[in-house]
N, C-alpha and C. Protein backbone atom coordinates (compact mmCIF):
# COMPACT_ATOMS: atom_id res chain seq x y z
N UNK A 1 245.02 -133.65 25.60
CA UNK A 1 244.43 -134.94 25.27
C UNK A 1 245.27 -135.56 24.16
N UNK A 2 245.41 -136.88 24.19
CA UNK A 2 246.14 -137.63 23.19
C UNK A 2 245.60 -137.28 21.81
N UNK A 3 246.52 -137.02 20.86
CA UNK A 3 246.12 -136.58 19.52
C UNK A 3 245.26 -137.62 18.81
N UNK A 4 245.61 -138.92 18.93
CA UNK A 4 244.81 -139.96 18.28
C UNK A 4 243.41 -140.01 18.86
N UNK A 5 243.31 -139.91 20.19
CA UNK A 5 241.99 -139.90 20.83
C UNK A 5 241.21 -138.67 20.39
N UNK A 6 241.87 -137.55 20.36
CA UNK A 6 241.21 -136.31 19.95
C UNK A 6 240.68 -136.42 18.53
N UNK A 7 241.48 -136.98 17.62
CA UNK A 7 241.02 -137.16 16.23
C UNK A 7 239.83 -138.10 16.17
N UNK A 8 239.86 -139.17 16.95
CA UNK A 8 238.74 -140.12 16.97
C UNK A 8 237.48 -139.46 17.47
N UNK A 9 237.60 -138.67 18.52
CA UNK A 9 236.43 -138.01 19.09
C UNK A 9 235.83 -137.01 18.12
N UNK A 10 236.66 -136.34 17.34
CA UNK A 10 236.16 -135.36 16.38
C UNK A 10 235.29 -136.02 15.32
N UNK A 11 235.49 -137.30 15.05
CA UNK A 11 234.72 -138.01 14.03
C UNK A 11 233.35 -138.47 14.54
N UNK A 12 233.11 -138.32 15.80
CA UNK A 12 231.83 -138.75 16.37
C UNK A 12 230.70 -137.84 15.89
N UNK A 13 229.47 -138.35 15.92
CA UNK A 13 228.32 -137.49 15.57
C UNK A 13 228.17 -136.37 16.60
N UNK A 14 227.45 -135.34 16.24
CA UNK A 14 227.27 -134.20 17.14
C UNK A 14 226.52 -134.57 18.42
N UNK A 15 225.66 -135.57 18.35
CA UNK A 15 224.94 -136.05 19.53
C UNK A 15 225.12 -137.55 19.63
N UNK A 16 225.41 -138.04 20.84
CA UNK A 16 225.64 -139.46 21.06
C UNK A 16 224.54 -140.03 21.94
N UNK A 17 224.23 -141.28 21.72
CA UNK A 17 223.23 -141.98 22.54
C UNK A 17 223.95 -142.67 23.71
N UNK A 18 223.16 -143.22 24.61
CA UNK A 18 223.73 -144.02 25.70
C UNK A 18 224.49 -145.22 25.13
N UNK A 19 223.97 -145.79 24.05
CA UNK A 19 224.67 -146.91 23.40
C UNK A 19 226.06 -146.50 22.94
N UNK A 20 226.18 -145.29 22.40
CA UNK A 20 227.50 -144.80 21.99
C UNK A 20 228.45 -144.78 23.19
N UNK A 21 227.98 -144.30 24.33
CA UNK A 21 228.85 -144.20 25.51
C UNK A 21 229.32 -145.57 25.96
N UNK A 22 228.44 -146.56 25.84
CA UNK A 22 228.83 -147.94 26.20
C UNK A 22 229.85 -148.45 25.18
N UNK A 23 229.60 -148.25 23.89
CA UNK A 23 230.52 -148.72 22.86
C UNK A 23 231.88 -148.06 22.97
N UNK A 24 231.92 -146.80 23.41
CA UNK A 24 233.18 -146.09 23.59
C UNK A 24 233.91 -146.53 24.86
N UNK A 25 233.23 -147.28 25.71
CA UNK A 25 233.85 -147.75 26.94
C UNK A 25 233.78 -146.75 28.08
N UNK A 26 232.98 -145.72 27.93
CA UNK A 26 232.84 -144.72 28.99
C UNK A 26 232.06 -145.32 30.16
N UNK A 27 231.07 -146.12 29.85
CA UNK A 27 230.30 -146.84 30.85
C UNK A 27 230.23 -148.31 30.45
N UNK A 28 230.15 -149.23 31.42
CA UNK A 28 230.18 -150.66 31.08
C UNK A 28 228.89 -151.19 30.47
N UNK A 29 227.76 -150.53 30.75
CA UNK A 29 226.47 -151.00 30.22
C UNK A 29 225.45 -149.87 30.30
N UNK A 30 224.28 -150.12 29.72
CA UNK A 30 223.24 -149.08 29.68
C UNK A 30 222.74 -148.71 31.07
N UNK A 31 222.65 -149.70 31.96
CA UNK A 31 222.21 -149.38 33.32
C UNK A 31 223.18 -148.42 34.00
N UNK A 32 224.46 -148.57 33.72
CA UNK A 32 225.45 -147.67 34.32
C UNK A 32 225.27 -146.24 33.81
N UNK A 33 224.87 -146.08 32.55
CA UNK A 33 224.63 -144.72 32.05
C UNK A 33 223.43 -144.11 32.77
N UNK A 34 222.39 -144.92 33.00
CA UNK A 34 221.21 -144.45 33.74
C UNK A 34 221.60 -144.05 35.16
N UNK A 35 222.35 -144.90 35.83
CA UNK A 35 222.75 -144.62 37.21
C UNK A 35 223.62 -143.37 37.30
N UNK A 36 224.51 -143.19 36.33
CA UNK A 36 225.37 -142.01 36.32
C UNK A 36 224.54 -140.74 36.13
N UNK A 37 223.56 -140.78 35.23
CA UNK A 37 222.68 -139.61 35.05
C UNK A 37 221.91 -139.33 36.33
N UNK A 38 221.38 -140.38 36.93
CA UNK A 38 220.59 -140.25 38.16
C UNK A 38 221.40 -139.60 39.28
N UNK A 39 222.69 -139.95 39.35
CA UNK A 39 223.55 -139.43 40.42
C UNK A 39 224.28 -138.15 40.02
N UNK A 40 224.06 -137.69 38.79
CA UNK A 40 224.68 -136.45 38.35
C UNK A 40 226.16 -136.57 38.01
N UNK A 41 226.61 -137.76 37.61
CA UNK A 41 228.03 -137.96 37.31
C UNK A 41 228.23 -138.43 35.86
N UNK A 42 227.33 -138.04 34.99
CA UNK A 42 227.46 -138.38 33.57
C UNK A 42 227.81 -137.11 32.80
N UNK A 43 228.16 -137.27 31.53
CA UNK A 43 228.28 -136.06 30.71
C UNK A 43 226.93 -135.34 30.68
N UNK A 44 226.97 -134.04 30.45
CA UNK A 44 225.72 -133.30 30.28
C UNK A 44 224.92 -133.94 29.15
N UNK A 45 223.61 -133.87 29.26
CA UNK A 45 222.76 -134.51 28.26
C UNK A 45 221.52 -133.69 28.01
N UNK A 46 220.86 -134.05 26.93
CA UNK A 46 219.59 -133.43 26.54
C UNK A 46 218.55 -134.55 26.51
N UNK A 47 217.39 -134.28 27.06
CA UNK A 47 216.31 -135.26 27.00
C UNK A 47 215.23 -134.73 26.07
N UNK A 48 215.02 -135.46 24.99
CA UNK A 48 213.99 -135.12 24.01
C UNK A 48 212.97 -136.24 24.02
N UNK A 49 211.78 -135.92 24.50
CA UNK A 49 210.75 -136.94 24.69
C UNK A 49 211.35 -138.00 25.62
N UNK A 50 211.52 -139.22 25.14
CA UNK A 50 212.10 -140.28 25.99
C UNK A 50 213.53 -140.61 25.60
N UNK A 51 214.10 -139.80 24.71
CA UNK A 51 215.43 -140.08 24.20
C UNK A 51 216.47 -139.21 24.91
N UNK A 52 217.57 -139.85 25.32
CA UNK A 52 218.68 -139.15 25.96
C UNK A 52 219.78 -138.97 24.91
N UNK A 53 220.24 -137.74 24.73
CA UNK A 53 221.33 -137.45 23.80
C UNK A 53 222.41 -136.67 24.52
N UNK A 54 223.64 -137.05 24.25
CA UNK A 54 224.79 -136.39 24.85
C UNK A 54 225.49 -135.57 23.76
N UNK A 55 225.56 -134.25 23.91
CA UNK A 55 226.30 -133.47 22.92
C UNK A 55 227.77 -133.92 22.90
N UNK A 56 228.32 -134.01 21.71
CA UNK A 56 229.70 -134.48 21.57
C UNK A 56 230.64 -133.66 22.45
N UNK A 57 230.49 -132.36 22.47
CA UNK A 57 231.39 -131.52 23.26
C UNK A 57 231.27 -131.84 24.75
N UNK A 58 230.09 -132.17 25.24
CA UNK A 58 229.91 -132.54 26.64
C UNK A 58 230.64 -133.84 26.96
N UNK A 59 230.62 -134.78 26.02
CA UNK A 59 231.32 -136.05 26.22
C UNK A 59 232.84 -135.81 26.23
N UNK A 60 233.31 -134.98 25.32
CA UNK A 60 234.75 -134.66 25.28
C UNK A 60 235.18 -134.01 26.58
N UNK A 61 234.41 -133.04 27.05
CA UNK A 61 234.74 -132.36 28.31
C UNK A 61 234.70 -133.33 29.49
N UNK A 62 233.73 -134.23 29.49
CA UNK A 62 233.63 -135.23 30.54
C UNK A 62 234.90 -136.08 30.57
N UNK A 63 235.34 -136.53 29.40
CA UNK A 63 236.56 -137.34 29.32
C UNK A 63 237.79 -136.55 29.73
N UNK A 64 237.87 -135.30 29.30
CA UNK A 64 239.02 -134.47 29.68
C UNK A 64 239.07 -134.28 31.19
N UNK A 65 237.93 -134.02 31.81
CA UNK A 65 237.89 -133.85 33.26
C UNK A 65 238.27 -135.13 33.99
N UNK A 66 237.81 -136.26 33.48
CA UNK A 66 238.16 -137.55 34.09
C UNK A 66 239.66 -137.80 33.98
N UNK A 67 240.25 -137.42 32.86
CA UNK A 67 241.68 -137.62 32.67
C UNK A 67 242.47 -136.76 33.64
N UNK A 68 242.03 -135.53 33.86
CA UNK A 68 242.75 -134.61 34.74
C UNK A 68 242.62 -135.02 36.20
N UNK A 69 241.39 -135.39 36.60
CA UNK A 69 241.13 -135.66 38.00
C UNK A 69 241.36 -137.11 38.39
N UNK A 70 241.14 -138.01 37.46
CA UNK A 70 241.24 -139.42 37.76
C UNK A 70 240.04 -139.93 38.54
N UNK A 71 239.08 -139.07 38.82
CA UNK A 71 237.87 -139.43 39.54
C UNK A 71 236.73 -138.63 38.95
N UNK A 72 235.52 -138.95 39.37
CA UNK A 72 234.36 -138.23 38.85
C UNK A 72 234.21 -136.87 39.47
N UNK A 73 234.68 -136.70 40.68
CA UNK A 73 234.38 -135.49 41.42
C UNK A 73 235.56 -135.15 42.31
N UNK A 74 236.13 -134.00 42.08
CA UNK A 74 237.31 -133.59 42.83
C UNK A 74 237.03 -133.48 44.33
N UNK A 75 235.81 -133.14 44.70
CA UNK A 75 235.52 -132.94 46.12
C UNK A 75 235.46 -134.24 46.91
N UNK A 76 235.06 -135.34 46.27
CA UNK A 76 234.96 -136.59 47.02
C UNK A 76 236.09 -137.56 46.72
N UNK A 77 236.69 -137.42 45.52
CA UNK A 77 237.74 -138.32 45.07
C UNK A 77 237.33 -139.78 45.09
N UNK A 78 236.04 -140.07 44.94
CA UNK A 78 235.56 -141.44 44.84
C UNK A 78 235.59 -141.87 43.39
N UNK A 79 236.06 -143.09 43.11
CA UNK A 79 236.01 -143.57 41.73
C UNK A 79 234.57 -143.60 41.22
N UNK A 80 234.40 -143.34 39.94
CA UNK A 80 233.07 -143.26 39.34
C UNK A 80 232.27 -144.54 39.55
N UNK A 81 232.91 -145.71 39.40
CA UNK A 81 232.14 -146.95 39.53
C UNK A 81 231.58 -147.12 40.94
N UNK A 82 232.26 -146.62 41.96
CA UNK A 82 231.73 -146.72 43.32
C UNK A 82 230.51 -145.81 43.50
N UNK A 83 230.56 -144.65 42.88
CA UNK A 83 229.43 -143.73 42.96
C UNK A 83 228.22 -144.32 42.25
N UNK A 84 228.44 -144.87 41.07
CA UNK A 84 227.34 -145.44 40.29
C UNK A 84 226.73 -146.62 41.04
N UNK A 85 227.57 -147.46 41.61
CA UNK A 85 227.08 -148.64 42.32
C UNK A 85 226.57 -148.31 43.71
N UNK A 86 226.83 -147.09 44.18
CA UNK A 86 226.35 -146.68 45.50
C UNK A 86 227.14 -147.27 46.66
N UNK A 87 228.40 -147.60 46.42
CA UNK A 87 229.23 -148.21 47.48
C UNK A 87 229.93 -147.15 48.28
């Protein structure tokens, strides 16, 4: 992983919200984070009451896997936005 990106990610809090993922540009909006979770193509997350939290390490691994594969899922090779939108 790019050293600058890696340093930036290390500064993140231990748990990130859906808003964090949108601000980081991982997803375009909050609805996309919901759709990704629903379809099983989001970073691993923890649900506490009604709050969704993404462990920092899960987000880092999600990004690393996306960088390596270029898609959300090696078996289908469909771009993530198509999966989220259901196309």
